[in-house]
Amino acid sequence: MLRACAIDFGKGWVNHLPLDEFSYNNSYHATIKAVPFEALYCRKCRSPVCWTEVGEAQILGPKLIQEPTEKIVQIKERMQAARDQQKSYADLKRKLMEFQVRDKIILKVLPWKGVVRFGKRGKLNPRYVGPFKVLERIGDVAYKLDLPEELSRVHNTFHTTEKIVQIKERMQAARDRQKSYAELKHKPMEFQVGDKVMLKVSPWKGVVRFGKRGKLNPRYVGPFKVLERIGDVAYNLDLPEELSRVHNAFHMSNLKKCHAGEPLVVLLDGLHFDDKLQFVEEPVEIVDREVKRLKRSRIPLVKI
């Protein structure tokens, strides 16, 4: 209301504050089902429209006490009804949490309220710390935790709805959700001994160093022969001497069956490996130079 008054009247909005106050005091509130003036003084505010009405100017006797008392009781009942309605909406999404002794739980902290002091500040503050072990249940909604020495000044009893979140249920729900997404595109792969497979590599993650750069890097190298199956999801491959420092057991997610002929395979010539299949790209030749001009600066660019 004040914002609208300031926008409409500009610098002279201060002169209209009495009108704003009068308007607010006569605005209907759905919670108490009355206007604030009537709730406070137990009588209706006389606006200029009502000045012409004729009636008693004062209320005397027992009626002076009875009417305010009835009005206060009525307002309390309406406010309680509004609270019950809001509680019913909140209860639709509320889940009761119960923990057993020795359960692992994480503790919700609010640094700005002085619960725990952290080194980080602002939005980087952690919202949960832990996990901590439940030592004892106190009543229906409180638990005692096994806190470390760093939290020795903090009382070890916490309320469930405000401070504690069970780590098992939420982590399991997240795993189930991710698993359901992955299974939509999941295809079971099985290889037989003697099959030819391609090995998946990721140069940008430090797996293999190639002579080519960027998007032209090969995604698979090989083919290699399957020597042995290890369990349900791993295989031993027959690797050449260039990959002698690499372990020959790979997960099936890194393999792809080879359907191409010998002329279409990716050779290992020019590939450089270390013992961890990592690489560091080094410039070989400067191909072009360019200066990018901005409004107030210039940026030299070098293509290698």
Foldseek 3Di string as FASTA:
>chain_A
DLVVLCVVVPPPSVVCVVVVVVVQQQDADQQQRGGNVCLVQVDDDQDPVNPPDDDDPDDDDPVNVVSNVVSNVSSVVSNVVVVVVVVVVVVVPDDDDDDDFFAWWKWADDVVVPQDPDPDDDPPDDGIDDGWTFHDDDPRFKTFTDDDPNNPVHGRIDGRVPIIDHPVVVVVVVVVVVVVVVVVPDDDDDDDFFFWKWFAADQVVFQWDAPDDDPPDDGTADGWGFHADDPRFKTFTDDDPQCPLPGRIDGNVRIGGDPDDPVPGHDCPRIHADSRNGDDDDDDDWDDWDWDDDPPDIDIDTDD
